[in-house]
Structures are given as structure tokens and as C-alpha cells.
Amino acid sequence: NWLVEVPDPNVSIGLLCEPFKIEMV
């Protein structure tokens, strides 16, 4: 997954991926 670090309770830093323009519900 994209997550690298959570430096703050409200903040996530992650890898920049090219998103699929769909949600897998």
C-alpha cells in the first residue's frame, strides 16, 4: 500500500501512485 509515515494524527504521507479511476465496492 501507499502509506509511508503518519507524522500527525490527521496526516498521512504516502507514495504517489497512478490511481485506477474506479472504486471496488
PDBML (XML) file of the C-alpha atoms, coordinates in Angstrom:
<?xml version="1.0" encoding="UTF-8" ?>
<PDBx:datablock datablockName="MODEL"
   xmlns:PDBx="http://pdbml.pdb.org/schema/pdbx-v50.xsd"
   xmlns:xsi="http://www.w3.org/2001/XMLSchema-instance"
   xsi:schemaLocation="http://pdbml.pdb.org/schema/pdbx-v50.xsd pdbx-v50.xsd">
   <PDBx:atom_siteCategory>
      <PDBx:atom_site id="1">
         <PDBx:B_iso_or_equiv>0.00</PDBx:B_iso_or_equiv>
         <PDBx:Cartn_x>0.000</PDBx:Cartn_x>
         <PDBx:Cartn_y>0.000</PDBx:Cartn_y>
         <PDBx:Cartn_z>0.000</PDBx:Cartn_z>
         <PDBx:auth_asym_id>A</PDBx:auth_asym_id>
         <PDBx:auth_atom_id>CA</PDBx:auth_atom_id>
         <PDBx:auth_comp_id>ASN</PDBx:auth_comp_id>
         <PDBx:auth_seq_id>1</PDBx:auth_seq_id>
         <PDBx:group_PDB>ATOM</PDBx:group_PDB>
         <PDBx:label_alt_id xsi:nil="true" />
         <PDBx:label_asym_id>A</PDBx:label_asym_id>
         <PDBx:label_atom_id>CA</PDBx:label_atom_id>
         <PDBx:label_comp_id>ASN</PDBx:label_comp_id>
         <PDBx:label_entity_id>1</PDBx:label_entity_id>
         <PDBx:label_seq_id>1</PDBx:label_seq_id>
         <PDBx:occupancy>1.00</PDBx:occupancy>
         <PDBx:pdbx_PDB_model_num>1</PDBx:pdbx_PDB_model_num>
         <PDBx:type_symbol>C</PDBx:type_symbol>
      </PDBx:atom_site>
      <PDBx:atom_site id="2">
         <PDBx:B_iso_or_equiv>0.00</PDBx:B_iso_or_equiv>
         <PDBx:Cartn_x>0.833</PDBx:Cartn_x>
         <PDBx:Cartn_y>3.653</PDBx:Cartn_y>
         <PDBx:Cartn_z>-0.377</PDBx:Cartn_z>
         <PDBx:auth_asym_id>A</PDBx:auth_asym_id>
         <PDBx:auth_atom_id>CA</PDBx:auth_atom_id>
         <PDBx:auth_comp_id>TRP</PDBx:auth_comp_id>
         <PDBx:auth_seq_id>2</PDBx:auth_seq_id>
         <PDBx:group_PDB>ATOM</PDBx:group_PDB>
         <PDBx:label_alt_id xsi:nil="true" />
         <PDBx:label_asym_id>A</PDBx:label_asym_id>
         <PDBx:label_atom_id>CA</PDBx:label_atom_id>
         <PDBx:label_comp_id>TRP</PDBx:label_comp_id>
         <PDBx:label_entity_id>1</PDBx:label_entity_id>
         <PDBx:label_seq_id>2</PDBx:label_seq_id>
         <PDBx:occupancy>1.00</PDBx:occupancy>
         <PDBx:pdbx_PDB_model_num>1</PDBx:pdbx_PDB_model_num>
         <PDBx:type_symbol>C</PDBx:type_symbol>
      </PDBx:atom_site>
      <PDBx:atom_site id="3">
         <PDBx:B_iso_or_equiv>0.00</PDBx:B_iso_or_equiv>
         <PDBx:Cartn_x>1.403</PDBx:Cartn_x>
         <PDBx:Cartn_y>4.526</PDBx:Cartn_y>
         <PDBx:Cartn_z>3.309</PDBx:Cartn_z>
         <PDBx:auth_asym_id>A</PDBx:auth_asym_id>
         <PDBx:auth_atom_id>CA</PDBx:auth_atom_id>
         <PDBx:auth_comp_id>LEU</PDBx:auth_comp_id>
         <PDBx:auth_seq_id>3</PDBx:auth_seq_id>
         <PDBx:group_PDB>ATOM</PDBx:group_PDB>
         <PDBx:label_alt_id xsi:nil="true" />
         <PDBx:label_asym_id>A</PDBx:label_asym_id>
         <PDBx:label_atom_id>CA</PDBx:label_atom_id>
         <PDBx:label_comp_id>LEU</PDBx:label_comp_id>
         <PDBx:label_entity_id>1</PDBx:label_entity_id>
         <PDBx:label_seq_id>3</PDBx:label_seq_id>
         <PDBx:occupancy>1.00</PDBx:occupancy>
         <PDBx:pdbx_PDB_model_num>1</PDBx:pdbx_PDB_model_num>
         <PDBx:type_symbol>C</PDBx:type_symbol>
      </PDBx:atom_site>
      <PDBx:atom_site id="4">
         <PDBx:B_iso_or_equiv>0.00</PDBx:B_iso_or_equiv>
         <PDBx:Cartn_x>4.935</PDBx:Cartn_x>
         <PDBx:Cartn_y>5.563</PDBx:Cartn_y>
         <PDBx:Cartn_z>4.329</PDBx:Cartn_z>
         <PDBx:auth_asym_id>A</PDBx:auth_asym_id>
         <PDBx:auth_atom_id>CA</PDBx:auth_atom_id>
         <PDBx:auth_comp_id>VAL</PDBx:auth_comp_id>
         <PDBx:auth_seq_id>4</PDBx:auth_seq_id>
         <PDBx:group_PDB>ATOM</PDBx:group_PDB>
         <PDBx:label_alt_id xsi:nil="true" />
         <PDBx:label_asym_id>A</PDBx:label_asym_id>
         <PDBx:label_atom_id>CA</PDBx:label_atom_id>
         <PDBx:label_comp_id>VAL</PDBx:label_comp_id>
         <PDBx:label_entity_id>1</PDBx:label_entity_id>
         <PDBx:label_seq_id>4</PDBx:label_seq_id>
         <PDBx:occupancy>1.00</PDBx:occupancy>
         <PDBx:pdbx_PDB_model_num>1</PDBx:pdbx_PDB_model_num>
         <PDBx:type_symbol>C</PDBx:type_symbol>
      </PDBx:atom_site>
      <PDBx:atom_site id="5">
         <PDBx:B_iso_or_equiv>0.00</PDBx:B_iso_or_equiv>
         <PDBx:Cartn_x>4.501</PDBx:Cartn_x>
         <PDBx:Cartn_y>7.543</PDBx:Cartn_y>
         <PDBx:Cartn_z>7.557</PDBx:Cartn_z>
         <PDBx:auth_asym_id>A</PDBx:auth_asym_id>
         <PDBx:auth_atom_id>CA</PDBx:auth_atom_id>
         <PDBx:auth_comp_id>GLU</PDBx:auth_comp_id>
         <PDBx:auth_seq_id>5</PDBx:auth_seq_id>
         <PDBx:group_PDB>ATOM</PDBx:group_PDB>
         <PDBx:label_alt_id xsi:nil="true" />
         <PDBx:label_asym_id>A</PDBx:label_asym_id>
         <PDBx:label_atom_id>CA</PDBx:label_atom_id>
         <PDBx:label_comp_id>GLU</PDBx:label_comp_id>
         <PDBx:label_entity_id>1</PDBx:label_entity_id>
         <PDBx:label_seq_id>5</PDBx:label_seq_id>
         <PDBx:occupancy>1.00</PDBx:occupancy>
         <PDBx:pdbx_PDB_model_num>1</PDBx:pdbx_PDB_model_num>
         <PDBx:type_symbol>C</PDBx:type_symbol>
      </PDBx:atom_site>
      <PDBx:atom_site id="6">
         <PDBx:B_iso_or_equiv>0.00</PDBx:B_iso_or_equiv>
         <PDBx:Cartn_x>1.865</PDBx:Cartn_x>
         <PDBx:Cartn_y>9.081</PDBx:Cartn_y>
         <PDBx:Cartn_z>9.863</PDBx:Cartn_z>
         <PDBx:auth_asym_id>A</PDBx:auth_asym_id>
         <PDBx:auth_atom_id>CA</PDBx:auth_atom_id>
         <PDBx:auth_comp_id>VAL</PDBx:auth_comp_id>
         <PDBx:auth_seq_id>6</PDBx:auth_seq_id>
         <PDBx:group_PDB>ATOM</PDBx:group_PDB>
         <PDBx:label_alt_id xsi:nil="true" />
         <PDBx:label_asym_id>A</PDBx:label_asym_id>
         <PDBx:label_atom_id>CA</PDBx:label_atom_id>
         <PDBx:label_comp_id>VAL</PDBx:label_comp_id>
         <PDBx:label_entity_id>1</PDBx:label_entity_id>
         <PDBx:label_seq_id>6</PDBx:label_seq_id>
         <PDBx:occupancy>1.00</PDBx:occupancy>
         <PDBx:pdbx_PDB_model_num>1</PDBx:pdbx_PDB_model_num>
         <PDBx:type_symbol>C</PDBx:type_symbol>
      </PDBx:atom_site>
      <PDBx:atom_site id="7">
         <PDBx:B_iso_or_equiv>0.00</PDBx:B_iso_or_equiv>
         <PDBx:Cartn_x>3.597</PDBx:Cartn_x>
         <PDBx:Cartn_y>12.114</PDBx:Cartn_y>
         <PDBx:Cartn_z>11.412</PDBx:Cartn_z>
         <PDBx:auth_asym_id>A</PDBx:auth_asym_id>
         <PDBx:auth_atom_id>CA</PDBx:auth_atom_id>
         <PDBx:auth_comp_id>PRO</PDBx:auth_comp_id>
         <PDBx:auth_seq_id>7</PDBx:auth_seq_id>
         <PDBx:group_PDB>ATOM</PDBx:group_PDB>
         <PDBx:label_alt_id xsi:nil="true" />
         <PDBx:label_asym_id>A</PDBx:label_asym_id>
         <PDBx:label_atom_id>CA</PDBx:label_atom_id>
         <PDBx:label_comp_id>PRO</PDBx:label_comp_id>
         <PDBx:label_entity_id>1</PDBx:label_entity_id>
         <PDBx:label_seq_id>7</PDBx:label_seq_id>
         <PDBx:occupancy>1.00</PDBx:occupancy>
         <PDBx:pdbx_PDB_model_num>1</PDBx:pdbx_PDB_model_num>
         <PDBx:type_symbol>C</PDBx:type_symbol>
      </PDBx:atom_site>
      <PDBx:atom_site id="8">
         <PDBx:B_iso_or_equiv>0.00</PDBx:B_iso_or_equiv>
         <PDBx:Cartn_x>0.399</PDBx:Cartn_x>
         <PDBx:Cartn_y>13.553</PDBx:Cartn_y>
         <PDBx:Cartn_z>12.914</PDBx:Cartn_z>
         <PDBx:auth_asym_id>A</PDBx:auth_asym_id>
         <PDBx:auth_atom_id>CA</PDBx:auth_atom_id>
         <PDBx:auth_comp_id>ASP</PDBx:auth_comp_id>
         <PDBx:auth_seq_id>8</PDBx:auth_seq_id>
         <PDBx:group_PDB>ATOM</PDBx:group_PDB>
         <PDBx:label_alt_id xsi:nil="true" />
         <PDBx:label_asym_id>A</PDBx:label_asym_id>
         <PDBx:label_atom_id>CA</PDBx:label_atom_id>
         <PDBx:label_comp_id>ASP</PDBx:label_comp_id>
         <PDBx:label_entity_id>1</PDBx:label_entity_id>
         <PDBx:label_seq_id>8</PDBx:label_seq_id>
         <PDBx:occupancy>1.00</PDBx:occupancy>
         <PDBx:pdbx_PDB_model_num>1</PDBx:pdbx_PDB_model_num>
         <PDBx:type_symbol>C</PDBx:type_symbol>
      </PDBx:atom_site>
      <PDBx:atom_site id="9">
         <PDBx:B_iso_or_equiv>0.00</PDBx:B_iso_or_equiv>
         <PDBx:Cartn_x>-2.967</PDBx:Cartn_x>
         <PDBx:Cartn_y>12.049</PDBx:Cartn_y>
         <PDBx:Cartn_z>13.929</PDBx:Cartn_z>
         <PDBx:auth_asym_id>A</PDBx:auth_asym_id>
         <PDBx:auth_atom_id>CA</PDBx:auth_atom_id>
         <PDBx:auth_comp_id>PRO</PDBx:auth_comp_id>
         <PDBx:auth_seq_id>9</PDBx:auth_seq_id>
         <PDBx:group_PDB>ATOM</PDBx:group_PDB>
         <PDBx:label_alt_id xsi:nil="true" />
         <PDBx:label_asym_id>A</PDBx:label_asym_id>
         <PDBx:label_atom_id>CA</PDBx:label_atom_id>
         <PDBx:label_comp_id>PRO</PDBx:label_comp_id>
         <PDBx:label_entity_id>1</PDBx:label_entity_id>
         <PDBx:label_seq_id>9</PDBx:label_seq_id>
         <PDBx:occupancy>1.00</PDBx:occupancy>
         <PDBx:pdbx_PDB_model_num>1</PDBx:pdbx_PDB_model_num>
         <PDBx:type_symbol>C</PDBx:type_symbol>
      </PDBx:atom_site>
      <PDBx:atom_site id="10">
         <PDBx:B_iso_or_equiv>0.00</PDBx:B_iso_or_equiv>
         <PDBx:Cartn_x>-4.606</PDBx:Cartn_x>
         <PDBx:Cartn_y>13.791</PDBx:Cartn_y>
         <PDBx:Cartn_z>10.952</PDBx:Cartn_z>
         <PDBx:auth_asym_id>A</PDBx:auth_asym_id>
         <PDBx:auth_atom_id>CA</PDBx:auth_atom_id>
         <PDBx:auth_comp_id>ASN</PDBx:auth_comp_id>
         <PDBx:auth_seq_id>10</PDBx:auth_seq_id>
         <PDBx:group_PDB>ATOM</PDBx:group_PDB>
         <PDBx:label_alt_id xsi:nil="true" />
         <PDBx:label_asym_id>A</PDBx:label_asym_id>
         <PDBx:label_atom_id>CA</PDBx:label_atom_id>
         <PDBx:label_comp_id>ASN</PDBx:label_comp_id>
         <PDBx:label_entity_id>1</PDBx:label_entity_id>
         <PDBx:label_seq_id>10</PDBx:label_seq_id>
         <PDBx:occupancy>1.00</PDBx:occupancy>
         <PDBx:pdbx_PDB_model_num>1</PDBx:pdbx_PDB_model_num>
         <PDBx:type_symbol>C</PDBx:type_symbol>
      </PDBx:atom_site>
      <PDBx:atom_site id="11">
         <PDBx:B_iso_or_equiv>0.00</PDBx:B_iso_or_equiv>
         <PDBx:Cartn_x>-1.794</PDBx:Cartn_x>
         <PDBx:Cartn_y>13.389</PDBx:Cartn_y>
         <PDBx:Cartn_z>8.409</PDBx:Cartn_z>
         <PDBx:auth_asym_id>A</PDBx:auth_asym_id>
         <PDBx:auth_atom_id>CA</PDBx:auth_atom_id>
         <PDBx:auth_comp_id>VAL</PDBx:auth_comp_id>
         <PDBx:auth_seq_id>11</PDBx:auth_seq_id>
         <PDBx:group_PDB>ATOM</PDBx:group_PDB>
         <PDBx:label_alt_id xsi:nil="true" />
         <PDBx:label_asym_id>A</PDBx:label_asym_id>
         <PDBx:label_atom_id>CA</PDBx:label_atom_id>
         <PDBx:label_comp_id>VAL</PDBx:label_comp_id>
         <PDBx:label_entity_id>1</PDBx:label_entity_id>
         <PDBx:label_seq_id>11</PDBx:label_seq_id>
         <PDBx:occupancy>1.00</PDBx:occupancy>
         <PDBx:pdbx_PDB_model_num>1</PDBx:pdbx_PDB_model_num>
         <PDBx:type_symbol>C</PDBx:type_symbol>
      </PDBx:atom_site>
      <PDBx:atom_site id="12">
         <PDBx:B_iso_or_equiv>0.00</PDBx:B_iso_or_equiv>
         <PDBx:Cartn_x>-0.539</PDBx:Cartn_x>
         <PDBx:Cartn_y>10.517</PDBx:Cartn_y>
         <PDBx:Cartn_z>6.264</PDBx:Cartn_z>
         <PDBx:auth_asym_id>A</PDBx:auth_asym_id>
         <PDBx:auth_atom_id>CA</PDBx:auth_atom_id>
         <PDBx:auth_comp_id>SER</PDBx:auth_comp_id>
         <PDBx:auth_seq_id>12</PDBx:auth_seq_id>
         <PDBx:group_PDB>ATOM</PDBx:group_PDB>
         <PDBx:label_alt_id xsi:nil="true" />
         <PDBx:label_asym_id>A</PDBx:label_asym_id>
         <PDBx:label_atom_id>CA</PDBx:label_atom_id>
         <PDBx:label_comp_id>SER</PDBx:label_comp_id>
         <PDBx:label_entity_id>1</PDBx:label_entity_id>
         <PDBx:label_seq_id>12</PDBx:label_seq_id>
         <PDBx:occupancy>1.00</PDBx:occupancy>
         <PDBx:pdbx_PDB_model_num>1</PDBx:pdbx_PDB_model_num>
         <PDBx:type_symbol>C</PDBx:type_symbol>
      </PDBx:atom_site>
      <PDBx:atom_site id="13">
         <PDBx:B_iso_or_equiv>0.00</PDBx:B_iso_or_equiv>
         <PDBx:Cartn_x>2.433</PDBx:Cartn_x>
         <PDBx:Cartn_y>10.624</PDBx:Cartn_y>
         <PDBx:Cartn_z>3.907</PDBx:Cartn_z>
         <PDBx:auth_asym_id>A</PDBx:auth_asym_id>
         <PDBx:auth_atom_id>CA</PDBx:auth_atom_id>
         <PDBx:auth_comp_id>ILE</PDBx:auth_comp_id>
         <PDBx:auth_seq_id>13</PDBx:auth_seq_id>
         <PDBx:group_PDB>ATOM</PDBx:group_PDB>
         <PDBx:label_alt_id xsi:nil="true" />
         <PDBx:label_asym_id>A</PDBx:label_asym_id>
         <PDBx:label_atom_id>CA</PDBx:label_atom_id>
         <PDBx:label_comp_id>ILE</PDBx:label_comp_id>
         <PDBx:label_entity_id>1</PDBx:label_entity_id>
         <PDBx:label_seq_id>13</PDBx:label_seq_id>
         <PDBx:occupancy>1.00</PDBx:occupancy>
         <PDBx:pdbx_PDB_model_num>1</PDBx:pdbx_PDB_model_num>
         <PDBx:type_symbol>C</PDBx:type_symbol>
      </PDBx:atom_site>
      <PDBx:atom_site id="14">
         <PDBx:B_iso_or_equiv>0.00</PDBx:B_iso_or_equiv>
         <PDBx:Cartn_x>2.493</PDBx:Cartn_x>
         <PDBx:Cartn_y>8.065</PDBx:Cartn_y>
         <PDBx:Cartn_z>1.167</PDBx:Cartn_z>
         <PDBx:auth_asym_id>A</PDBx:auth_asym_id>
         <PDBx:auth_atom_id>CA</PDBx:auth_atom_id>
         <PDBx:auth_comp_id>GLY</PDBx:auth_comp_id>
         <PDBx:auth_seq_id>14</PDBx:auth_seq_id>
         <PDBx:group_PDB>ATOM</PDBx:group_PDB>
         <PDBx:label_alt_id xsi:nil="true" />
         <PDBx:label_asym_id>A</PDBx:label_asym_id>
         <PDBx:label_atom_id>CA</PDBx:label_atom_id>
         <PDBx:label_comp_id>GLY</PDBx:label_comp_id>
         <PDBx:label_entity_id>1</PDBx:label_entity_id>
         <PDBx:label_seq_id>14</PDBx:label_seq_id>
         <PDBx:occupancy>1.00</PDBx:occupancy>
         <PDBx:pdbx_PDB_model_num>1</PDBx:pdbx_PDB_model_num>
         <PDBx:type_symbol>C</PDBx:type_symbol>
      </PDBx:atom_site>
      <PDBx:atom_site id="15">
         <PDBx:B_iso_or_equiv>0.00</PDBx:B_iso_or_equiv>
         <PDBx:Cartn_x>3.737</PDBx:Cartn_x>
         <PDBx:Cartn_y>7.053</PDBx:Cartn_y>
         <PDBx:Cartn_z>-2.251</PDBx:Cartn_z>
         <PDBx:auth_asym_id>A</PDBx:auth_asym_id>
         <PDBx:auth_atom_id>CA</PDBx:auth_atom_id>
         <PDBx:auth_comp_id>LEU</PDBx:auth_comp_id>
         <PDBx:auth_seq_id>15</PDBx:auth_seq_id>
         <PDBx:group_PDB>ATOM</PDBx:group_PDB>
         <PDBx:label_alt_id xsi:nil="true" />
         <PDBx:label_asym_id>A</PDBx:label_asym_id>
         <PDBx:label_atom_id>CA</PDBx:label_atom_id>
         <PDBx:label_comp_id>LEU</PDBx:label_comp_id>
         <PDBx:label_entity_id>1</PDBx:label_entity_id>
         <PDBx:label_seq_id>15</PDBx:label_seq_id>
         <PDBx:occupancy>1.00</PDBx:occupancy>
         <PDBx:pdbx_PDB_model_num>1</PDBx:pdbx_PDB_model_num>
         <PDBx:type_symbol>C</PDBx:type_symbol>
      </PDBx:atom_site>
      <PDBx:atom_site id="16">
         <PDBx:B_iso_or_equiv>0.00</PDBx:B_iso_or_equiv>
         <PDBx:Cartn_x>2.313</PDBx:Cartn_x>
         <PDBx:Cartn_y>8.793</PDBx:Cartn_y>
         <PDBx:Cartn_z>-5.290</PDBx:Cartn_z>
         <PDBx:auth_asym_id>A</PDBx:auth_asym_id>
         <PDBx:auth_atom_id>CA</PDBx:auth_atom_id>
         <PDBx:auth_comp_id>LEU</PDBx:auth_comp_id>
         <PDBx:auth_seq_id>16</PDBx:auth_seq_id>
         <PDBx:group_PDB>ATOM</PDBx:group_PDB>
         <PDBx:label_alt_id xsi:nil="true" />
         <PDBx:label_asym_id>A</PDBx:label_asym_id>
         <PDBx:label_atom_id>CA</PDBx:label_atom_id>
         <PDBx:label_comp_id>LEU</PDBx:label_comp_id>
         <PDBx:label_entity_id>1</PDBx:label_entity_id>
         <PDBx:label_seq_id>16</PDBx:label_seq_id>
         <PDBx:occupancy>1.00</PDBx:occupancy>
         <PDBx:pdbx_PDB_model_num>1</PDBx:pdbx_PDB_model_num>
         <PDBx:type_symbol>C</PDBx:type_symbol>
      </PDBx:atom_site>
      <PDBx:atom_site id="17">
         <PDBx:B_iso_or_equiv>0.00</PDBx:B_iso_or_equiv>
         <PDBx:Cartn_x>0.537</PDBx:Cartn_x>
         <PDBx:Cartn_y>6.143</PDBx:Cartn_y>
         <PDBx:Cartn_z>-7.368</PDBx:Cartn_z>
         <PDBx:auth_asym_id>A</PDBx:auth_asym_id>
         <PDBx:auth_atom_id>CA</PDBx:auth_atom_id>
         <PDBx:auth_comp_id>CYS</PDBx:auth_comp_id>
         <PDBx:auth_seq_id>17</PDBx:auth_seq_id>
         <PDBx:group_PDB>ATOM</PDBx:group_PDB>
         <PDBx:label_alt_id xsi:nil="true" />
         <PDBx:label_asym_id>A</PDBx:label_asym_id>
         <PDBx:label_atom_id>CA</PDBx:label_atom_id>
         <PDBx:label_comp_id>CYS</PDBx:label_comp_id>
         <PDBx:label_entity_id>1</PDBx:label_entity_id>
         <PDBx:label_seq_id>17</PDBx:label_seq_id>
         <PDBx:occupancy>1.00</PDBx:occupancy>
         <PDBx:pdbx_PDB_model_num>1</PDBx:pdbx_PDB_model_num>
         <PDBx:type_symbol>C</PDBx:type_symbol>
      </PDBx:atom_site>
      <PDBx:atom_site id="18">
         <PDBx:B_iso_or_equiv>0.00</PDBx:B_iso_or_equiv>
         <PDBx:Cartn_x>-1.412</PDBx:Cartn_x>
         <PDBx:Cartn_y>6.410</PDBx:Cartn_y>
         <PDBx:Cartn_z>-10.589</PDBx:Cartn_z>
         <PDBx:auth_asym_id>A</PDBx:auth_asym_id>
         <PDBx:auth_atom_id>CA</PDBx:auth_atom_id>
         <PDBx:auth_comp_id>GLU</PDBx:auth_comp_id>
         <PDBx:auth_seq_id>18</PDBx:auth_seq_id>
         <PDBx:group_PDB>ATOM</PDBx:group_PDB>
         <PDBx:label_alt_id xsi:nil="true" />
         <PDBx:label_asym_id>A</PDBx:label_asym_id>
         <PDBx:label_atom_id>CA</PDBx:label_atom_id>
         <PDBx:label_comp_id>GLU</PDBx:label_comp_id>
         <PDBx:label_entity_id>1</PDBx:label_entity_id>
         <PDBx:label_seq_id>18</PDBx:label_seq_id>
         <PDBx:occupancy>1.00</PDBx:occupancy>
         <PDBx:pdbx_PDB_model_num>1</PDBx:pdbx_PDB_model_num>
         <PDBx:type_symbol>C</PDBx:type_symbol>
      </PDBx:atom_site>
      <PDBx:atom_site id="19">
         <PDBx:B_iso_or_equiv>0.00</PDBx:B_iso_or_equiv>
         <PDBx:Cartn_x>-4.956</PDBx:Cartn_x>
         <PDBx:Cartn_y>5.682</PDBx:Cartn_y>
         <PDBx:Cartn_z>-9.382</PDBx:Cartn_z>
         <PDBx:auth_asym_id>A</PDBx:auth_asym_id>
         <PDBx:auth_atom_id>CA</PDBx:auth_atom_id>
         <PDBx:auth_comp_id>PRO</PDBx:auth_comp_id>
         <PDBx:auth_seq_id>19</PDBx:auth_seq_id>
         <PDBx:group_PDB>ATOM</PDBx:group_PDB>
         <PDBx:label_alt_id xsi:nil="true" />
         <PDBx:label_asym_id>A</PDBx:label_asym_id>
         <PDBx:label_atom_id>CA</PDBx:label_atom_id>
         <PDBx:label_comp_id>PRO</PDBx:label_comp_id>
         <PDBx:label_entity_id>1</PDBx:label_entity_id>
         <PDBx:label_seq_id>19</PDBx:label_seq_id>
         <PDBx:occupancy>1.00</PDBx:occupancy>
         <PDBx:pdbx_PDB_model_num>1</PDBx:pdbx_PDB_model_num>
         <PDBx:type_symbol>C</PDBx:type_symbol>
      </PDBx:atom_site>
      <PDBx:atom_site id="20">
         <PDBx:B_iso_or_equiv>0.00</PDBx:B_iso_or_equiv>
         <PDBx:Cartn_x>-7.437</PDBx:Cartn_x>
         <PDBx:Cartn_y>3.420</PDBx:Cartn_y>
         <PDBx:Cartn_z>-11.100</PDBx:Cartn_z>
         <PDBx:auth_asym_id>A</PDBx:auth_asym_id>
         <PDBx:auth_atom_id>CA</PDBx:auth_atom_id>
         <PDBx:auth_comp_id>PHE</PDBx:auth_comp_id>
         <PDBx:auth_seq_id>20</PDBx:auth_seq_id>
         <PDBx:group_PDB>ATOM</PDBx:group_PDB>
         <PDBx:label_alt_id xsi:nil="true" />
         <PDBx:label_asym_id>A</PDBx:label_asym_id>
         <PDBx:label_atom_id>CA</PDBx:label_atom_id>
         <PDBx:label_comp_id>PHE</PDBx:label_comp_id>
         <PDBx:label_entity_id>1</PDBx:label_entity_id>
         <PDBx:label_seq_id>20</PDBx:label_seq_id>
         <PDBx:occupancy>1.00</PDBx:occupancy>
         <PDBx:pdbx_PDB_model_num>1</PDBx:pdbx_PDB_model_num>
         <PDBx:type_symbol>C</PDBx:type_symbol>
      </PDBx:atom_site>
      <PDBx:atom_site id="21">
         <PDBx:B_iso_or_equiv>0.00</PDBx:B_iso_or_equiv>
         <PDBx:Cartn_x>-10.467</PDBx:Cartn_x>
         <PDBx:Cartn_y>5.651</PDBx:Cartn_y>
         <PDBx:Cartn_z>-11.691</PDBx:Cartn_z>
         <PDBx:auth_asym_id>A</PDBx:auth_asym_id>
         <PDBx:auth_atom_id>CA</PDBx:auth_atom_id>
         <PDBx:auth_comp_id>LYS</PDBx:auth_comp_id>
         <PDBx:auth_seq_id>21</PDBx:auth_seq_id>
         <PDBx:group_PDB>ATOM</PDBx:group_PDB>
         <PDBx:label_alt_id xsi:nil="true" />
         <PDBx:label_asym_id>A</PDBx:label_asym_id>
         <PDBx:label_atom_id>CA</PDBx:label_atom_id>
         <PDBx:label_comp_id>LYS</PDBx:label_comp_id>
         <PDBx:label_entity_id>1</PDBx:label_entity_id>
         <PDBx:label_seq_id>21</PDBx:label_seq_id>
         <PDBx:occupancy>1.00</PDBx:occupancy>
         <PDBx:pdbx_PDB_model_num>1</PDBx:pdbx_PDB_model_num>
         <PDBx:type_symbol>C</PDBx:type_symbol>
      </PDBx:atom_site>
      <PDBx:atom_site id="22">
         <PDBx:B_iso_or_equiv>0.00</PDBx:B_iso_or_equiv>
         <PDBx:Cartn_x>-12.795</PDBx:Cartn_x>
         <PDBx:Cartn_y>3.148</PDBx:Cartn_y>
         <PDBx:Cartn_z>-10.060</PDBx:Cartn_z>
         <PDBx:auth_asym_id>A</PDBx:auth_asym_id>
         <PDBx:auth_atom_id>CA</PDBx:auth_atom_id>
         <PDBx:auth_comp_id>ILE</PDBx:auth_comp_id>
         <PDBx:auth_seq_id>22</PDBx:auth_seq_id>
         <PDBx:group_PDB>ATOM</PDBx:group_PDB>
         <PDBx:label_alt_id xsi:nil="true" />
         <PDBx:label_asym_id>A</PDBx:label_asym_id>
         <PDBx:label_atom_id>CA</PDBx:label_atom_id>
         <PDBx:label_comp_id>ILE</PDBx:label_comp_id>
         <PDBx:label_entity_id>1</PDBx:label_entity_id>
         <PDBx:label_seq_id>22</PDBx:label_seq_id>
         <PDBx:occupancy>1.00</PDBx:occupancy>
         <PDBx:pdbx_PDB_model_num>1</PDBx:pdbx_PDB_model_num>
         <PDBx:type_symbol>C</PDBx:type_symbol>
      </PDBx:atom_site>
      <PDBx:atom_site id="23">
         <PDBx:B_iso_or_equiv>0.00</PDBx:B_iso_or_equiv>
         <PDBx:Cartn_x>-13.825</PDBx:Cartn_x>
         <PDBx:Cartn_y>2.196</PDBx:Cartn_y>
         <PDBx:Cartn_z>-6.556</PDBx:Cartn_z>
         <PDBx:auth_asym_id>A</PDBx:auth_asym_id>
         <PDBx:auth_atom_id>CA</PDBx:auth_atom_id>
         <PDBx:auth_comp_id>GLU</PDBx:auth_comp_id>
         <PDBx:auth_seq_id>23</PDBx:auth_seq_id>
         <PDBx:group_PDB>ATOM</PDBx:group_PDB>
         <PDBx:label_alt_id xsi:nil="true" />
         <PDBx:label_asym_id>A</PDBx:label_asym_id>
         <PDBx:label_atom_id>CA</PDBx:label_atom_id>
         <PDBx:label_comp_id>GLU</PDBx:label_comp_id>
         <PDBx:label_entity_id>1</PDBx:label_entity_id>
         <PDBx:label_seq_id>23</PDBx:label_seq_id>
         <PDBx:occupancy>1.00</PDBx:occupancy>
         <PDBx:pdbx_PDB_model_num>1</PDBx:pdbx_PDB_model_num>
         <PDBx:type_symbol>C</PDBx:type_symbol>
      </PDBx:atom_site>
      <PDBx:atom_site id="24">
         <PDBx:B_iso_or_equiv>0.00</PDBx:B_iso_or_equiv>
         <PDBx:Cartn_x>-14.017</PDBx:Cartn_x>
         <PDBx:Cartn_y>-1.512</PDBx:Cartn_y>
         <PDBx:Cartn_z>-5.828</PDBx:Cartn_z>
         <PDBx:auth_asym_id>A</PDBx:auth_asym_id>
         <PDBx:auth_atom_id>CA</PDBx:auth_atom_id>
         <PDBx:auth_comp_id>MET</PDBx:auth_comp_id>
         <PDBx:auth_seq_id>24</PDBx:auth_seq_id>
         <PDBx:group_PDB>ATOM</PDBx:group_PDB>
         <PDBx:label_alt_id xsi:nil="true" />
         <PDBx:label_asym_id>A</PDBx:label_asym_id>
         <PDBx:label_atom_id>CA</PDBx:label_atom_id>
         <PDBx:label_comp_id>MET</PDBx:label_comp_id>
         <PDBx:label_entity_id>1</PDBx:label_entity_id>
         <PDBx:label_seq_id>24</PDBx:label_seq_id>
         <PDBx:occupancy>1.00</PDBx:occupancy>
         <PDBx:pdbx_PDB_model_num>1</PDBx:pdbx_PDB_model_num>
         <PDBx:type_symbol>C</PDBx:type_symbol>
      </PDBx:atom_site>
      <PDBx:atom_site id="25">
         <PDBx:B_iso_or_equiv>0.00</PDBx:B_iso_or_equiv>
         <PDBx:Cartn_x>-17.180</PDBx:Cartn_x>
         <PDBx:Cartn_y>-1.665</PDBx:Cartn_y>
         <PDBx:Cartn_z>-3.743</PDBx:Cartn_z>
         <PDBx:auth_asym_id>A</PDBx:auth_asym_id>
         <PDBx:auth_atom_id>CA</PDBx:auth_atom_id>
         <PDBx:auth_comp_id>VAL</PDBx:auth_comp_id>
         <PDBx:auth_seq_id>25</PDBx:auth_seq_id>
         <PDBx:group_PDB>ATOM</PDBx:group_PDB>
         <PDBx:label_alt_id xsi:nil="true" />
         <PDBx:label_asym_id>A</PDBx:label_asym_id>
         <PDBx:label_atom_id>CA</PDBx:label_atom_id>
         <PDBx:label_comp_id>VAL</PDBx:label_comp_id>
         <PDBx:label_entity_id>1</PDBx:label_entity_id>
         <PDBx:label_seq_id>25</PDBx:label_seq_id>
         <PDBx:occupancy>1.00</PDBx:occupancy>
         <PDBx:pdbx_PDB_model_num>1</PDBx:pdbx_PDB_model_num>
         <PDBx:type_symbol>C</PDBx:type_symbol>
      </PDBx:atom_site>
   </PDBx:atom_siteCategory>
</PDBx:datablock>
